[in-house]
Amino acid sequence: MEISGQAVLLRIFVGESDKLGHLPLYEAIVKQARDTGLAGATVLKGVLGYGASARIRTHKILDLSSDLSMVIEIVDEEEKIATFQQCLSRLFAQAGSGGLVTLENIRVIHYLPENKN
């Protein structure tokens, strides 16, 4: 798969402890993105932040109840991302969790699989 030019960045914020059954929600989202045929996904773990609850969450060792933010970033063509958003809504509903989903228009400069010659 090759992507170049205009694309969309889908950014999804969920809590580290959000689950879909026994699977972390962020992992379920990435697996669904792969199964849907999206170009790729990356999960990033926050070290400090807060969301709608305004509760500060941190990775400090003294904060044993931390529920850090997990950010999933997915880049692909607008049509593919629009289709995936319906799957994403179902995953959030099944997990019964909140979150934040954003979209940005971006320009892809380089996206190619590695050359294993």
Protein backbone atom coordinates (compact mmCIF):
# COMPACT_ATOMS: atom_id res chain seq x y z
CA MET A 1 0.00 0.00 0.00
CA GLU A 2 1.23 3.47 -0.80
CA ILE A 3 -0.17 6.77 0.46
CA SER A 4 0.92 10.19 -0.69
CA GLY A 5 -0.53 13.66 -0.69
CA GLN A 6 -3.72 14.54 1.18
CA ALA A 7 -4.77 12.16 3.96
CA VAL A 8 -6.44 12.23 7.36
CA LEU A 9 -5.02 11.69 10.83
CA LEU A 10 -7.48 10.05 13.21
CA ARG A 11 -6.41 10.51 16.82
CA ILE A 12 -8.20 8.56 19.55
CA PHE A 13 -7.73 9.17 23.28
CA VAL A 14 -8.76 6.40 25.68
CA GLY A 15 -7.83 5.39 29.22
CA GLU A 16 -5.23 2.73 29.85
CA SER A 17 -7.72 0.75 31.94
CA ASP A 18 -10.56 0.88 29.36
CA LYS A 19 -11.38 -2.67 28.29
CA LEU A 20 -13.37 -4.44 25.62
CA GLY A 21 -13.97 -7.76 27.33
CA HIS A 22 -10.52 -8.80 28.59
CA LEU A 23 -8.65 -6.86 25.89
CA PRO A 24 -7.45 -3.28 26.40
CA LEU A 25 -9.62 -0.97 24.30
CA TYR A 26 -6.58 0.56 22.59
CA GLU A 27 -5.49 -2.90 21.46
CA ALA A 28 -8.98 -3.74 20.18
CA ILE A 29 -8.98 -0.49 18.18
CA VAL A 30 -5.59 -1.23 16.59
CA LYS A 31 -6.63 -4.78 15.70
CA GLN A 32 -9.87 -3.50 14.14
CA ALA A 33 -7.89 -0.89 12.16
CA ARG A 34 -5.61 -3.63 10.81
CA ASP A 35 -8.56 -5.90 10.00
CA THR A 36 -10.24 -2.99 8.18
CA GLY A 37 -7.14 -2.55 6.02
CA LEU A 38 -6.02 0.84 7.26
CA ALA A 39 -2.44 1.86 6.47
CA GLY A 40 -1.16 1.69 10.05
CA ALA A 41 -1.72 2.62 13.67
CA THR A 42 0.50 3.69 16.53
CA VAL A 43 -0.32 3.71 20.25
CA LEU A 44 1.35 6.28 22.48
CA LYS A 45 1.22 6.29 26.28
CA GLY A 46 0.80 9.59 28.10
CA VAL A 47 2.91 10.40 31.14
CA LEU A 48 0.70 13.15 32.54
CA GLY A 49 -2.71 14.52 31.62
CA TYR A 50 -6.37 14.94 32.36
CA GLY A 51 -9.62 14.67 30.45
CA ALA A 52 -13.31 15.31 30.94
CA SER A 53 -13.16 14.26 34.61
CA ALA A 54 -10.41 16.88 35.26
CA ARG A 55 -8.59 14.29 37.38
CA ILE A 56 -4.82 14.50 36.89
CA ARG A 57 -3.31 11.18 35.86
CA THR A 58 0.40 10.57 36.09
CA HIS A 59 2.98 7.81 35.80
CA LYS A 60 4.61 8.71 39.14
CA ILE A 61 5.29 5.65 41.26
CA LEU A 62 3.28 7.04 44.20
CA ASP A 63 0.13 7.23 42.07
CA LEU A 64 -0.84 3.57 42.24
CA SER A 65 -4.30 4.20 40.77
CA SER A 66 -3.02 5.84 37.59
CA ASP A 67 -5.10 5.34 34.48
CA LEU A 68 -2.88 6.99 31.92
CA SER A 69 -4.06 8.29 28.59
CA MET A 70 -3.44 6.11 25.57
CA VAL A 71 -3.40 7.86 22.21
CA ILE A 72 -3.98 5.87 19.02
CA GLU A 73 -2.97 7.60 15.80
CA ILE A 74 -4.14 6.26 12.45
CA VAL A 75 -3.35 7.82 9.06
CA ASP A 76 -5.11 6.89 5.83
CA GLU A 77 -7.27 8.24 3.06
CA GLU A 78 -10.36 10.18 4.12
CA GLU A 79 -12.84 7.62 2.78
CA LYS A 80 -11.20 4.73 4.63
CA ILE A 81 -11.07 6.70 7.88
CA ALA A 82 -14.74 7.69 7.51
CA THR A 83 -15.70 4.03 7.16
CA PHE A 84 -13.56 3.09 10.16
CA GLN A 85 -15.27 5.71 12.34
CA GLN A 86 -18.43 3.57 12.27
CA CYS A 87 -16.43 0.59 13.60
CA LEU A 88 -14.87 2.86 16.20
CA SER A 89 -18.28 4.02 17.44
CA ARG A 90 -19.31 0.38 17.89
CA LEU A 91 -16.13 -0.39 19.85
CA PHE A 92 -16.74 2.54 22.21
CA ALA A 93 -20.35 1.44 22.71
CA GLN A 94 -19.35 -2.17 23.39
CA ALA A 95 -16.66 -1.08 25.86
CA GLY A 96 -19.01 1.37 27.57
CA SER A 97 -16.20 3.87 27.92
CA GLY A 98 -15.65 7.49 27.07
CA GLY A 99 -12.86 9.00 25.07
CA LEU A 100 -11.97 11.70 22.58
CA VAL A 101 -11.70 11.32 18.81
CA THR A 102 -10.23 14.01 16.55
CA LEU A 103 -9.55 14.32 12.83
CA GLU A 104 -6.93 16.41 11.08
CA ASN A 105 -6.25 16.92 7.42
CA ILE A 106 -2.60 16.19 6.75
CA ARG A 107 -0.20 15.83 3.86
CA VAL A 108 1.77 12.58 3.66
CA ILE A 109 5.35 13.13 2.54
CA HIS A 110 6.65 9.55 2.70
CA TYR A 111 4.89 6.24 3.35
CA LEU A 112 6.30 3.09 1.82
CA PRO A 113 6.99 -0.38 3.16
CA GLU A 114 10.65 -1.12 3.85
CA ASN A 115 12.69 -2.47 0.96
CA LYS A 116 14.05 -5.91 1.95
CA ASN A 117 16.40 -6.58 -0.97
